[in-house]
Amino acid sequence: MFLMHIGLIMDGNRRWAKNLGKNKFFGHKKGVENLEMFTEICADDPEIKILTVYTLSTENMNREQKELDNLFALLEKFAKKWKKFVKNGIRVKIFGDVSKLPKSCQKALKELEEKTKNGEKLIFCPAINYGGRDEIIRAVNKLFKKIPQKITEKDLEKFLDTEDLPAINLVIRTGGKKRLSNFMLWQSAYAELYFLDKMWPEFTEKDLQEAIFYYKSVQRNFGK
């Protein structure tokens, strides 16, 4: 069985809304709706077992409070739809430092993880208040408390947010930018990168299949 871990950078919500003459909150709402549909598509694809999405970066946390409050409200509403995730066989595992989020949002996300822990079709990992560098620093600080000696890559991996999950095979980024933007730096070290000019709310199942086709066409030798 071909098992794939996809990383997704959902860029372009605000620009998409602006192009339509709408405000950024409209863009974020449509982005969340597209993500809900996308998780179901991935859960139904036997080749995709893990989906990690860049939901809210550590840098995003510096945006104006009104926009952040809107994002937190969308996250909380999204998390409360846990019955839908259970129905679709999706297990949710949150990455990042959610301690900076409002208490009600933290509670909803924790409940989402707990209620979906038995899902077997897809592991869905929203990265919230997440940054690749921040993750590595947090992992190192945890590691030094356990192993005060020379360490290996495997030692460090045990303390990353991904823990026992495999590395990312394919990173898809919408929105026209061609960079990782601090997303899963360790896990994406040997990932194939696929960039689209389409904004995230425009991303379709056909776009996903084209990205997977591209991935399958690449010969991967990991430097050997």
N, C-alpha and C. Protein backbone atom coordinates (compact mmCIF):
# COMPACT_ATOMS: atom_id res chain seq x y z
N MET A 1 0.85 -1.20 0.00
CA MET A 1 0.00 0.00 0.00
C MET A 1 0.89 1.24 0.00
N PHE A 2 0.56 2.19 -0.86
CA PHE A 2 1.32 3.43 -0.99
C PHE A 2 0.81 4.42 0.05
N LEU A 3 1.58 4.64 1.10
CA LEU A 3 1.15 5.51 2.19
C LEU A 3 1.81 6.87 2.06
N MET A 4 1.04 7.93 2.08
CA MET A 4 1.57 9.27 1.87
C MET A 4 1.22 10.22 3.00
N HIS A 5 2.21 11.02 3.38
CA HIS A 5 2.02 12.11 4.34
C HIS A 5 2.12 13.41 3.54
N ILE A 6 1.02 14.12 3.47
CA ILE A 6 0.97 15.39 2.72
C ILE A 6 1.00 16.56 3.68
N GLY A 7 1.85 17.54 3.37
CA GLY A 7 1.87 18.80 4.09
C GLY A 7 1.20 19.85 3.22
N LEU A 8 0.35 20.67 3.81
CA LEU A 8 -0.41 21.63 3.03
C LEU A 8 -0.28 23.03 3.62
N ILE A 9 0.22 23.96 2.80
CA ILE A 9 0.30 25.37 3.20
C ILE A 9 -0.85 26.09 2.50
N MET A 10 -1.87 26.43 3.24
CA MET A 10 -3.11 26.98 2.68
C MET A 10 -3.00 28.50 2.56
N ASP A 11 -2.33 28.96 1.54
CA ASP A 11 -2.06 30.39 1.39
C ASP A 11 -3.05 31.03 0.43
N GLY A 12 -3.38 32.29 0.69
CA GLY A 12 -4.15 33.08 -0.27
C GLY A 12 -5.57 33.42 0.12
N ASN A 13 -6.01 33.09 1.32
CA ASN A 13 -7.39 33.39 1.72
C ASN A 13 -7.70 34.89 1.63
N ARG A 14 -6.80 35.70 2.16
CA ARG A 14 -7.05 37.14 2.22
C ARG A 14 -6.98 37.77 0.83
N ARG A 15 -5.99 37.34 0.02
CA ARG A 15 -5.87 37.90 -1.33
C ARG A 15 -7.05 37.49 -2.21
N TRP A 16 -7.51 36.25 -2.03
CA TRP A 16 -8.67 35.77 -2.79
C TRP A 16 -9.89 36.63 -2.48
N ALA A 17 -10.11 36.91 -1.20
CA ALA A 17 -11.26 37.73 -0.81
C ALA A 17 -11.12 39.16 -1.35
N LYS A 18 -9.92 39.70 -1.28
CA LYS A 18 -9.69 41.06 -1.76
C LYS A 18 -9.98 41.17 -3.25
N ASN A 19 -9.58 40.14 -4.01
CA ASN A 19 -9.83 40.14 -5.46
C ASN A 19 -11.32 40.14 -5.78
N LEU A 20 -12.12 39.64 -4.85
CA LEU A 20 -13.58 39.60 -5.04
C LEU A 20 -14.27 40.83 -4.44
N GLY A 21 -13.47 41.73 -3.87
CA GLY A 21 -14.04 42.90 -3.23
C GLY A 21 -14.64 42.61 -1.86
N LYS A 22 -14.22 41.49 -1.26
CA LYS A 22 -14.72 41.08 0.06
C LYS A 22 -13.66 41.35 1.12
N ASN A 23 -14.07 41.28 2.39
CA ASN A 23 -13.08 41.48 3.45
C ASN A 23 -12.36 40.17 3.76
N LYS A 24 -11.26 40.27 4.52
CA LYS A 24 -10.42 39.10 4.81
C LYS A 24 -11.14 38.03 5.63
N PHE A 25 -12.13 38.45 6.42
CA PHE A 25 -12.87 37.48 7.22
C PHE A 25 -13.66 36.52 6.32
N PHE A 26 -14.17 37.06 5.22
CA PHE A 26 -14.87 36.23 4.23
C PHE A 26 -13.90 35.20 3.65
N GLY A 27 -12.67 35.64 3.39
CA GLY A 27 -11.65 34.73 2.86
C GLY A 27 -11.31 33.61 3.83
N HIS A 28 -11.16 33.95 5.09
CA HIS A 28 -10.84 32.92 6.10
C HIS A 28 -11.99 31.90 6.22
N LYS A 29 -13.21 32.40 6.19
CA LYS A 29 -14.39 31.52 6.30
C LYS A 29 -14.41 30.53 5.13
N LYS A 30 -14.20 31.03 3.92
CA LYS A 30 -14.21 30.16 2.75
C LYS A 30 -13.03 29.18 2.79
N GLY A 31 -11.93 29.63 3.35
CA GLY A 31 -10.77 28.75 3.48
C GLY A 31 -11.05 27.57 4.40
N VAL A 32 -11.74 27.83 5.50
CA VAL A 32 -12.10 26.77 6.44
C VAL A 32 -13.09 25.81 5.79
N GLU A 33 -14.05 26.33 5.05
CA GLU A 33 -15.02 25.48 4.37
C GLU A 33 -14.33 24.56 3.37
N ASN A 34 -13.34 25.09 2.66
CA ASN A 34 -12.61 24.28 1.70
C ASN A 34 -11.78 23.21 2.41
N LEU A 35 -11.24 23.55 3.58
CA LEU A 35 -10.46 22.58 4.35
C LEU A 35 -11.34 21.43 4.82
N GLU A 36 -12.56 21.73 5.26
CA GLU A 36 -13.48 20.68 5.68
C GLU A 36 -13.73 19.68 4.54
N MET A 37 -13.97 20.21 3.36
CA MET A 37 -14.20 19.35 2.20
C MET A 37 -12.93 18.56 1.86
N PHE A 38 -11.79 19.22 1.95
CA PHE A 38 -10.52 18.59 1.58
C PHE A 38 -10.16 17.43 2.51
N THR A 39 -10.44 17.56 3.80
CA THR A 39 -10.15 16.46 4.74
C THR A 39 -10.97 15.23 4.40
N GLU A 40 -12.22 15.43 3.99
CA GLU A 40 -13.07 14.29 3.61
C GLU A 40 -12.55 13.62 2.35
N ILE A 41 -12.08 14.41 1.39
CA ILE A 41 -11.51 13.86 0.16
C ILE A 41 -10.29 13.00 0.49
N CYS A 42 -9.42 13.51 1.36
CA CYS A 42 -8.20 12.78 1.74
C CYS A 42 -8.54 11.51 2.52
N ALA A 43 -9.55 11.58 3.37
CA ALA A 43 -9.95 10.40 4.15
C ALA A 43 -10.45 9.28 3.24
N ASP A 44 -11.03 9.65 2.10
CA ASP A 44 -11.55 8.65 1.16
C ASP A 44 -10.48 8.13 0.19
N ASP A 45 -9.29 8.72 0.24
CA ASP A 45 -8.21 8.29 -0.66
C ASP A 45 -7.31 7.31 0.10
N PRO A 46 -7.28 6.02 -0.29
CA PRO A 46 -6.50 5.02 0.45
C PRO A 46 -4.99 5.26 0.43
N GLU A 47 -4.52 6.11 -0.49
CA GLU A 47 -3.09 6.38 -0.57
C GLU A 47 -2.63 7.44 0.43
N ILE A 48 -3.56 8.24 0.91
CA ILE A 48 -3.21 9.32 1.83
C ILE A 48 -3.56 8.90 3.26
N LYS A 49 -2.58 8.85 4.13
CA LYS A 49 -2.82 8.43 5.50
C LYS A 49 -2.65 9.56 6.52
N ILE A 50 -1.85 10.58 6.16
CA ILE A 50 -1.61 11.70 7.08
C ILE A 50 -1.70 13.01 6.31
N LEU A 51 -2.42 13.97 6.86
CA LEU A 51 -2.54 15.30 6.27
C LEU A 51 -2.20 16.33 7.35
N THR A 52 -1.11 17.07 7.14
CA THR A 52 -0.71 18.12 8.06
C THR A 52 -0.92 19.47 7.39
N VAL A 53 -1.69 20.35 8.02
CA VAL A 53 -2.02 21.64 7.38
C VAL A 53 -1.54 22.80 8.24
N TYR A 54 -0.99 23.78 7.57
CA TYR A 54 -0.50 25.00 8.23
C TYR A 54 -1.70 25.88 8.51
N THR A 55 -2.27 25.76 9.68
CA THR A 55 -3.52 26.44 10.01
C THR A 55 -3.28 27.85 10.52
N LEU A 56 -2.33 28.00 11.44
CA LEU A 56 -2.02 29.31 12.01
C LEU A 56 -0.56 29.28 12.45
N SER A 57 0.26 30.13 11.84
CA SER A 57 1.69 30.12 12.16
C SER A 57 2.00 30.98 13.37
N THR A 58 3.20 30.81 13.93
CA THR A 58 3.62 31.66 15.05
C THR A 58 3.69 33.12 14.60
N GLU A 59 4.03 33.34 13.33
CA GLU A 59 4.08 34.71 12.80
C GLU A 59 2.68 35.30 12.65
N ASN A 60 1.71 34.45 12.30
CA ASN A 60 0.32 34.92 12.17
C ASN A 60 -0.20 35.47 13.49
N MET A 61 0.35 35.00 14.59
CA MET A 61 -0.11 35.44 15.91
C MET A 61 0.18 36.92 16.17
N ASN A 62 0.95 37.55 15.27
CA ASN A 62 1.25 38.98 15.40
C ASN A 62 0.27 39.86 14.62
N ARG A 63 -0.75 39.26 14.03
CA ARG A 63 -1.74 40.04 13.30
C ARG A 63 -2.62 40.83 14.26
N GLU A 64 -3.41 41.75 13.72
CA GLU A 64 -4.26 42.59 14.58
C GLU A 64 -5.25 41.70 15.33
N GLN A 65 -5.61 42.14 16.54
CA GLN A 65 -6.42 41.31 17.43
C GLN A 65 -7.78 40.96 16.85
N LYS A 66 -8.38 41.88 16.08
CA LYS A 66 -9.70 41.62 15.51
C LYS A 66 -9.65 40.43 14.56
N GLU A 67 -8.60 40.36 13.75
CA GLU A 67 -8.46 39.25 12.82
C GLU A 67 -8.18 37.96 13.57
N LEU A 68 -7.34 38.03 14.61
CA LEU A 68 -7.05 36.84 15.40
C LEU A 68 -8.30 36.31 16.09
N ASP A 69 -9.10 37.21 16.64
CA ASP A 69 -10.34 36.78 17.31
C ASP A 69 -11.24 36.06 16.32
N ASN A 70 -11.29 36.55 15.08
CA ASN A 70 -12.10 35.90 14.05
C ASN A 70 -11.55 34.51 13.73
N LEU A 71 -10.23 34.40 13.64
CA LEU A 71 -9.60 33.10 13.35
C LEU A 71 -9.83 32.11 14.49
N PHE A 72 -9.71 32.59 15.72
CA PHE A 72 -9.94 31.71 16.88
C PHE A 72 -11.38 31.21 16.90
N ALA A 73 -12.32 32.11 16.55
CA ALA A 73 -13.73 31.72 16.53
C ALA A 73 -13.98 30.66 15.45
N LEU A 74 -13.35 30.82 14.30
CA LEU A 74 -13.48 29.83 13.22
C LEU A 74 -12.88 28.49 13.64
N LEU A 75 -11.74 28.54 14.32
CA LEU A 75 -11.10 27.31 14.81
C LEU A 75 -11.99 26.58 15.80
N GLU A 76 -12.56 27.34 16.71
CA GLU A 76 -13.42 26.73 17.74
C GLU A 76 -14.66 26.10 17.11
N LYS A 77 -15.25 26.79 16.15
CA LYS A 77 -16.41 26.26 15.45
C LYS A 77 -16.04 24.99 14.68
N PHE A 78 -14.88 25.02 14.05
CA PHE A 78 -14.37 23.87 13.30
C PHE A 78 -14.17 22.67 14.22
N ALA A 79 -13.59 22.93 15.41
CA ALA A 79 -13.29 21.85 16.36
C ALA A 79 -14.56 21.21 16.91
N LYS A 80 -15.61 21.99 17.03
CA LYS A 80 -16.84 21.47 17.60
C LYS A 80 -17.61 20.55 16.64
N LYS A 81 -17.11 20.42 15.42
CA LYS A 81 -17.74 19.51 14.45
C LYS A 81 -17.10 18.12 14.54
N TRP A 82 -16.71 17.73 15.75
CA TRP A 82 -15.98 16.47 15.92
C TRP A 82 -16.79 15.25 15.47
N LYS A 83 -18.10 15.33 15.55
CA LYS A 83 -18.93 14.18 15.13
C LYS A 83 -18.72 13.87 13.64
N LYS A 84 -18.51 14.92 12.87
CA LYS A 84 -18.28 14.76 11.43
C LYS A 84 -16.95 14.03 11.19
N PHE A 85 -15.94 14.37 11.99
CA PHE A 85 -14.64 13.71 11.87
C PHE A 85 -14.75 12.24 12.25
N VAL A 86 -15.47 11.97 13.32
CA VAL A 86 -15.66 10.59 13.76
C VAL A 86 -16.36 9.78 12.68
N LYS A 87 -17.40 10.35 12.10
CA LYS A 87 -18.16 9.68 11.04
C LYS A 87 -17.27 9.33 9.85
N ASN A 88 -16.32 10.21 9.53
CA ASN A 88 -15.44 10.01 8.37
C ASN A 88 -14.16 9.26 8.71
N GLY A 89 -14.04 8.75 9.95
CA GLY A 89 -12.87 7.96 10.33
C GLY A 89 -11.59 8.76 10.42
N ILE A 90 -11.70 10.03 10.80
CA ILE A 90 -10.54 10.92 10.85
C ILE A 90 -10.09 11.12 12.30
N ARG A 91 -8.82 10.83 12.54
CA ARG A 91 -8.21 11.11 13.84
C ARG A 91 -7.50 12.46 13.77
N VAL A 92 -7.75 13.32 14.74
CA VAL A 92 -7.14 14.66 14.74
C VAL A 92 -6.02 14.71 15.78
N LYS A 93 -4.87 15.24 15.34
CA LYS A 93 -3.72 15.42 16.23
C LYS A 93 -3.21 16.85 16.02
N ILE A 94 -3.26 17.66 17.06
CA ILE A 94 -2.90 19.07 16.95
C ILE A 94 -1.39 19.26 17.13
N PHE A 95 -0.78 20.04 16.25
CA PHE A 95 0.62 20.44 16.38
C PHE A 95 0.69 21.91 16.80
N GLY A 96 1.79 22.29 17.43
CA GLY A 96 2.01 23.69 17.79
C GLY A 96 1.73 23.97 19.26
N ASP A 97 1.91 25.23 19.64
CA ASP A 97 1.72 25.67 21.02
C ASP A 97 0.36 26.35 21.15
N VAL A 98 -0.65 25.55 21.51
CA VAL A 98 -2.01 26.10 21.59
C VAL A 98 -2.27 26.81 22.92
N SER A 99 -1.28 26.85 23.79
CA SER A 99 -1.47 27.50 25.10
C SER A 99 -1.69 29.01 24.95
N LYS A 100 -1.36 29.56 23.79
CA LYS A 100 -1.53 31.00 23.56
C LYS A 100 -2.93 31.33 23.04
N LEU A 101 -3.74 30.30 22.78
CA LEU A 101 -5.10 30.51 22.27
C LEU A 101 -6.08 30.74 23.42
N PRO A 102 -7.25 31.33 23.14
CA PRO A 102 -8.27 31.49 24.19
C PRO A 102 -8.63 30.14 24.82
N LYS A 103 -8.98 30.16 26.09
CA LYS A 103 -9.26 28.92 26.82
C LYS A 103 -10.37 28.09 26.17
N SER A 104 -11.41 28.77 25.69
CA SER A 104 -12.52 28.03 25.08
C SER A 104 -12.06 27.33 23.81
N CYS A 105 -11.17 27.95 23.07
CA CYS A 105 -10.64 27.35 21.85
C CYS A 105 -9.74 26.15 22.19
N GLN A 106 -8.91 26.31 23.22
CA GLN A 106 -8.06 25.21 23.68
C GLN A 106 -8.91 24.00 24.08
N LYS A 107 -9.98 24.29 24.82
CA LYS A 107 -10.86 23.21 25.29
C LYS A 107 -11.50 22.47 24.11
N ALA A 108 -11.96 23.22 23.12
CA ALA A 108 -12.61 22.61 21.95
C ALA A 108 -11.62 21.76 21.16
N LEU A 109 -10.39 22.23 21.03
CA LEU A 109 -9.38 21.48 20.29
C LEU A 109 -8.98 20.20 21.04
N LYS A 110 -8.88 20.30 22.36
CA LYS A 110 -8.55 19.13 23.16
C LYS A 110 -9.66 18.08 23.06
N GLU A 111 -10.90 18.53 23.08
CA GLU A 111 -12.04 17.62 22.96
C GLU A 111 -12.05 16.97 21.57
N LEU A 112 -11.69 17.75 20.55
CA LEU A 112 -11.64 17.23 19.19
C LEU A 112 -10.63 16.09 19.10
N GLU A 113 -9.45 16.26 19.71
CA GLU A 113 -8.44 15.20 19.71
C GLU A 113 -8.95 13.96 20.43
N GLU A 114 -9.56 14.18 21.57
CA GLU A 114 -10.02 13.07 22.40
C GLU A 114 -11.15 12.29 21.71
N LYS A 115 -12.12 12.99 21.15
CA LYS A 115 -13.27 12.34 20.53
C LYS A 115 -12.90 11.56 19.27
N THR A 116 -11.82 12.00 18.59
CA THR A 116 -11.48 11.38 17.30
C THR A 116 -10.31 10.41 17.39
N LYS A 117 -9.86 10.08 18.57
CA LYS A 117 -8.62 9.32 18.75
C LYS A 117 -8.65 7.92 18.12
N ASN A 118 -9.84 7.40 17.83
CA ASN A 118 -9.94 6.05 17.25
C ASN A 118 -10.10 6.04 15.73
N GLY A 119 -10.02 7.22 15.11
CA GLY A 119 -10.15 7.29 13.65
C GLY A 119 -9.00 6.57 12.96
N GLU A 120 -9.31 5.81 11.92
CA GLU A 120 -8.29 4.97 11.27
C GLU A 120 -8.09 5.26 9.78
N LYS A 121 -8.93 6.09 9.19
CA LYS A 121 -8.81 6.33 7.75
C LYS A 121 -7.78 7.43 7.44
N LEU A 122 -7.69 8.42 8.31
CA LEU A 122 -6.78 9.54 8.07
C LEU A 122 -6.36 10.16 9.40
N ILE A 123 -5.08 10.49 9.52
CA ILE A 123 -4.60 11.30 10.65
C ILE A 123 -4.51 12.73 10.14
N PHE A 124 -5.32 13.59 10.70
CA PHE A 124 -5.40 14.99 10.28
C PHE A 124 -4.73 15.86 11.33
N CYS A 125 -3.70 16.60 10.93
CA CYS A 125 -2.87 17.35 11.88
C CYS A 125 -2.88 18.85 11.57
N PRO A 126 -3.76 19.61 12.20
CA PRO A 126 -3.72 21.06 12.04
C PRO A 126 -2.54 21.64 12.85
N ALA A 127 -1.70 22.42 12.20
CA ALA A 127 -0.58 23.07 12.89
C ALA A 127 -1.04 24.46 13.30
N ILE A 128 -1.22 24.67 14.61
CA ILE A 128 -1.83 25.90 15.13
C ILE A 128 -0.86 26.60 16.07
N ASN A 129 -0.66 27.90 15.85
CA ASN A 129 0.44 28.63 16.51
C ASN A 129 1.71 27.79 16.39
N TYR A 130 2.00 27.42 15.16
CA TYR A 130 3.11 26.53 14.86
C TYR A 130 4.16 27.24 14.01
N GLY A 131 5.43 26.94 14.32
CA GLY A 131 6.55 27.37 13.50
C GLY A 131 7.60 26.28 13.56
N GLY A 132 8.23 25.98 12.44
CA GLY A 132 9.22 24.90 12.41
C GLY A 132 10.37 25.13 13.37
N ARG A 133 10.86 26.35 13.42
CA ARG A 133 11.96 26.65 14.33
C ARG A 133 11.51 26.54 15.78
N ASP A 134 10.31 27.06 16.07
CA ASP A 134 9.77 26.98 17.43
C ASP A 134 9.61 25.53 17.85
N GLU A 135 9.15 24.67 16.94
CA GLU A 135 8.97 23.26 17.26
C GLU A 135 10.30 22.62 17.64
N ILE A 136 11.35 22.91 16.88
CA ILE A 136 12.66 22.32 17.15
C ILE A 136 13.21 22.80 18.49
N ILE A 137 13.02 24.09 18.79
CA ILE A 137 13.48 24.63 20.08
C ILE A 137 12.72 23.96 21.22
N ARG A 138 11.39 23.80 21.07
CA ARG A 138 10.60 23.15 22.12
C ARG A 138 11.05 21.71 22.31
N ALA A 139 11.35 21.03 21.20
CA ALA A 139 11.79 19.64 21.28
C ALA A 139 13.14 19.53 21.97
N VAL A 140 14.06 20.42 21.65
CA VAL A 140 15.39 20.40 22.27
C VAL A 140 15.29 20.63 23.78
N ASN A 141 14.45 21.58 24.18
CA ASN A 141 14.29 21.85 25.62
C ASN A 141 13.72 20.64 26.36
N LYS A 142 12.78 19.93 25.73
CA LYS A 142 12.24 18.71 26.34
C LYS A 142 13.31 17.62 26.39
N LEU A 143 14.07 17.54 25.32
CA LEU A 143 15.09 16.49 25.20
C LEU A 143 16.16 16.62 26.26
N PHE A 144 16.62 17.84 26.48
CA PHE A 144 17.71 18.05 27.44
C PHE A 144 17.31 17.67 28.86
N LYS A 145 16.01 17.69 29.14
CA LYS A 145 15.54 17.26 30.46
C LYS A 145 15.62 15.75 30.61
N LYS A 146 15.61 15.05 29.46
CA LYS A 146 15.60 13.59 29.48
C LYS A 146 16.97 12.99 29.18
N ILE A 147 17.68 13.59 28.22
CA ILE A 147 18.94 13.00 27.76
C ILE A 147 20.04 14.07 27.76
N PRO A 148 20.70 14.31 28.88
CA PRO A 148 21.75 15.33 28.96
C PRO A 148 23.10 14.81 28.41
N GLN A 149 23.12 14.41 27.15
CA GLN A 149 24.33 13.85 26.55
C GLN A 149 24.24 14.03 25.04
N LYS A 150 25.19 13.50 24.29
CA LYS A 150 25.17 13.59 22.84
C LYS A 150 23.93 12.89 22.31
N ILE A 151 23.23 13.56 21.39
CA ILE A 151 21.96 13.03 20.90
C ILE A 151 22.03 12.70 19.41
N THR A 152 21.05 11.91 18.96
CA THR A 152 20.93 11.53 17.55
C THR A 152 19.65 12.13 16.97
N GLU A 153 19.49 12.02 15.66
CA GLU A 153 18.26 12.49 15.03
C GLU A 153 17.04 11.76 15.60
N LYS A 154 17.18 10.46 15.82
CA LYS A 154 16.05 9.67 16.34
C LYS A 154 15.66 10.12 17.74
N ASP A 155 16.66 10.52 18.55
CA ASP A 155 16.36 11.03 19.89
C ASP A 155 15.49 12.28 19.78
N LEU A 156 15.89 13.20 18.93
CA LEU A 156 15.16 14.46 18.80
C LEU A 156 13.77 14.26 18.23
N GLU A 157 13.64 13.36 17.27
CA GLU A 157 12.35 13.13 16.62
C GLU A 157 11.27 12.71 17.62
N LYS A 158 11.67 12.05 18.69
CA LYS A 158 10.71 11.60 19.70
C LYS A 158 10.04 12.77 20.40
N PHE A 159 10.66 13.95 20.35
CA PHE A 159 10.14 15.11 21.07
C PHE A 159 9.54 16.17 20.15
N LEU A 160 9.55 15.91 18.85
CA LEU A 160 8.89 16.81 17.92
C LEU A 160 7.38 16.65 18.02
N ASP A 161 6.64 17.59 17.49
CA ASP A 161 5.17 17.50 17.53
C ASP A 161 4.68 16.26 16.81
N THR A 162 5.41 15.86 15.76
CA THR A 162 5.00 14.71 14.95
C THR A 162 5.28 13.38 15.64
N GLU A 163 6.16 13.37 16.64
CA GLU A 163 6.52 12.17 17.41
C GLU A 163 6.80 10.97 16.51
N ASP A 164 5.89 9.99 16.51
CA ASP A 164 6.14 8.74 15.78
C ASP A 164 5.59 8.74 14.36
N LEU A 165 5.14 9.88 13.85
CA LEU A 165 4.61 9.93 12.49
C LEU A 165 5.76 10.00 11.48
N PRO A 166 5.56 9.44 10.30
CA PRO A 166 6.62 9.46 9.28
C PRO A 166 6.83 10.87 8.71
N ALA A 167 7.94 11.06 8.02
CA ALA A 167 8.26 12.35 7.41
C ALA A 167 7.24 12.69 6.32
N ILE A 168 7.16 13.95 5.98
CA ILE A 168 6.27 14.41 4.92
C ILE A 168 6.86 14.03 3.56
N ASN A 169 6.02 13.48 2.68
CA ASN A 169 6.44 13.12 1.34
C ASN A 169 6.29 14.27 0.35
N LEU A 170 5.18 14.99 0.51
CA LEU A 170 4.82 16.02 -0.47
C LEU A 170 4.27 17.24 0.25
N VAL A 171 4.83 18.42 -0.06
CA VAL A 171 4.29 19.68 0.46
C VAL A 171 3.61 20.41 -0.68
N ILE A 172 2.35 20.75 -0.49
CA ILE A 172 1.58 21.52 -1.47
C ILE A 172 1.37 22.92 -0.91
N ARG A 173 1.72 23.94 -1.70
CA ARG A 173 1.46 25.32 -1.27
C ARG A 173 0.66 26.05 -2.34
N THR A 174 -0.46 26.60 -1.93
CA THR A 174 -1.27 27.42 -2.82
C THR A 174 -0.86 28.89 -2.67
N GLY A 175 -1.40 29.74 -3.53
CA GLY A 175 -1.21 31.19 -3.36
C GLY A 175 -0.05 31.81 -4.13
N GLY A 176 0.72 31.01 -4.87
CA GLY A 176 1.75 31.56 -5.73
C GLY A 176 3.12 31.79 -5.11
N LYS A 177 3.25 31.67 -3.80
CA LYS A 177 4.55 31.84 -3.15
C LYS A 177 5.32 30.53 -3.22
N LYS A 178 6.64 30.64 -3.35
CA LYS A 178 7.48 29.44 -3.48
C LYS A 178 8.48 29.37 -2.33
N ARG A 179 7.96 29.11 -1.17
CA ARG A 179 8.79 28.96 0.03
C ARG A 179 8.02 28.16 1.07
N LEU A 180 8.76 27.64 2.07
CA LEU A 180 8.14 26.84 3.13
C LEU A 180 7.58 27.69 4.26
N SER A 181 8.09 28.90 4.42
CA SER A 181 7.57 29.82 5.45
C SER A 181 7.55 29.19 6.84
N ASN A 182 8.63 28.50 7.19
CA ASN A 182 8.78 27.96 8.54
C ASN A 182 7.83 26.79 8.83
N PHE A 183 7.40 26.09 7.78
CA PHE A 183 6.46 24.97 7.92
C PHE A 183 7.19 23.64 7.94
N MET A 184 7.08 22.90 9.03
CA MET A 184 7.58 21.53 9.12
C MET A 184 8.99 21.38 8.54
N LEU A 185 9.92 22.18 9.05
CA LEU A 185 11.27 22.22 8.49
C LEU A 185 11.99 20.88 8.61
N TRP A 186 11.86 20.23 9.74
CA TRP A 186 12.51 18.94 9.96
C TRP A 186 11.84 17.85 9.11
N GLN A 187 10.52 17.82 9.18
CA GLN A 187 9.75 16.75 8.53
C GLN A 187 9.74 16.87 7.00
N SER A 188 10.02 18.07 6.49
CA SER A 188 9.98 18.30 5.04
C SER A 188 11.36 18.28 4.40
N ALA A 189 12.35 17.82 5.12
CA ALA A 189 13.73 17.88 4.63
C ALA A 189 13.90 17.23 3.26
N TYR A 190 13.19 16.14 3.01
CA TYR A 190 13.28 15.46 1.72
C TYR A 190 11.93 15.39 1.00
N ALA A 191 11.03 16.27 1.35
CA ALA A 191 9.72 16.29 0.69
C ALA A 191 9.83 16.89 -0.70
N GLU A 192 8.97 16.42 -1.59
CA GLU A 192 8.81 17.08 -2.88
C GLU A 192 7.93 18.31 -2.66
N LEU A 193 8.23 19.39 -3.37
CA LEU A 193 7.51 20.65 -3.19
C LEU A 193 6.67 20.95 -4.44
N TYR A 194 5.40 21.27 -4.22
CA TYR A 194 4.48 21.52 -5.32
C TYR A 194 3.77 22.85 -5.07
N PHE A 195 3.99 23.81 -5.97
CA PHE A 195 3.44 25.14 -5.78
C PHE A 195 2.39 25.46 -6.84
N LEU A 196 1.31 26.11 -6.41
CA LEU A 196 0.24 26.53 -7.31
C LEU A 196 0.00 28.03 -7.17
N ASP A 197 -0.39 28.67 -8.28
CA ASP A 197 -0.77 30.08 -8.23
C ASP A 197 -2.18 30.25 -7.66
N LYS A 198 -2.97 29.20 -7.73
CA LYS A 198 -4.34 29.26 -7.20
C LYS A 198 -4.34 29.60 -5.71
N MET A 199 -5.30 30.41 -5.29
CA MET A 199 -5.48 30.70 -3.87
C MET A 199 -6.17 29.50 -3.21
N TRP A 200 -5.99 29.36 -1.90
CA TRP A 200 -6.51 28.19 -1.22
C TRP A 200 -8.02 27.97 -1.41
N PRO A 201 -8.87 28.99 -1.30
CA PRO A 201 -10.31 28.73 -1.49
C PRO A 201 -10.67 28.19 -2.86
N GLU A 202 -9.75 28.32 -3.84
CA GLU A 202 -10.00 27.83 -5.20
C GLU A 202 -9.49 26.41 -5.42
N PHE A 203 -8.76 25.88 -4.46
CA PHE A 203 -8.13 24.57 -4.60
C PHE A 203 -9.19 23.47 -4.68
N THR A 204 -9.02 22.54 -5.64
CA THR A 204 -10.03 21.51 -5.88
C THR A 204 -9.43 20.11 -5.77
N GLU A 205 -10.31 19.12 -5.83
CA GLU A 205 -9.86 17.72 -5.81
C GLU A 205 -8.97 17.43 -7.03
N LYS A 206 -9.28 18.04 -8.16
CA LYS A 206 -8.47 17.86 -9.37
C LYS A 206 -7.05 18.37 -9.13
N ASP A 207 -6.92 19.49 -8.44
CA ASP A 207 -5.59 20.04 -8.13
C ASP A 207 -4.81 19.06 -7.25
N LEU A 208 -5.49 18.45 -6.30
CA LEU A 208 -4.85 17.47 -5.43
C LEU A 208 -4.33 16.29 -6.24
N GLN A 209 -5.15 15.78 -7.12
CA GLN A 209 -4.75 14.63 -7.93
C GLN A 209 -3.57 14.96 -8.83
N GLU A 210 -3.53 16.17 -9.36
CA GLU A 210 -2.40 16.59 -10.20
C GLU A 210 -1.12 16.69 -9.37
N ALA A 211 -1.25 17.14 -8.12
CA ALA A 211 -0.09 17.22 -7.24
C ALA A 211 0.45 15.82 -6.92
N ILE A 212 -0.44 14.88 -6.67
CA ILE A 212 -0.04 13.51 -6.38
C ILE A 212 0.59 12.86 -7.62
N PHE A 213 0.04 13.16 -8.79
CA PHE A 213 0.61 12.64 -10.04
C PHE A 213 2.04 13.15 -10.21
N TYR A 214 2.24 14.42 -9.91
CA TYR A 214 3.59 15.00 -9.98
C TYR A 214 4.53 14.27 -9.02
N TYR A 215 4.07 14.04 -7.80
CA TYR A 215 4.89 13.36 -6.80
C TYR A 215 5.31 11.97 -7.28
N LYS A 216 4.37 11.24 -7.86
CA LYS A 216 4.65 9.88 -8.32
C LYS A 216 5.61 9.86 -9.51
N SER A 217 5.69 10.97 -10.23
CA SER A 217 6.55 11.02 -11.41
C SER A 217 8.00 11.32 -11.08
N VAL A 218 8.26 11.71 -9.83
CA VAL A 218 9.61 12.10 -9.42
C VAL A 218 10.37 10.89 -8.87
N GLN A 219 11.60 10.73 -9.32
CA GLN A 219 12.44 9.65 -8.77
C GLN A 219 13.10 10.15 -7.50
N ARG A 220 12.82 9.49 -6.39
CA ARG A 220 13.31 9.93 -5.08
C ARG A 220 14.46 9.01 -4.65
N ASN A 221 15.64 9.62 -4.42
CA ASN A 221 16.79 8.79 -4.00
C ASN A 221 17.39 9.28 -2.67
N PHE A 222 16.83 10.35 -2.10
CA PHE A 222 17.28 10.84 -0.78
C PHE A 222 18.79 11.03 -0.72
N GLY A 223 19.36 11.56 -1.79
CA GLY A 223 20.79 11.87 -1.81
C GLY A 223 21.71 10.71 -2.06
N LYS A 224 21.16 9.51 -2.26
CA LYS A 224 21.99 8.32 -2.44
C LYS A 224 22.51 8.24 -3.87
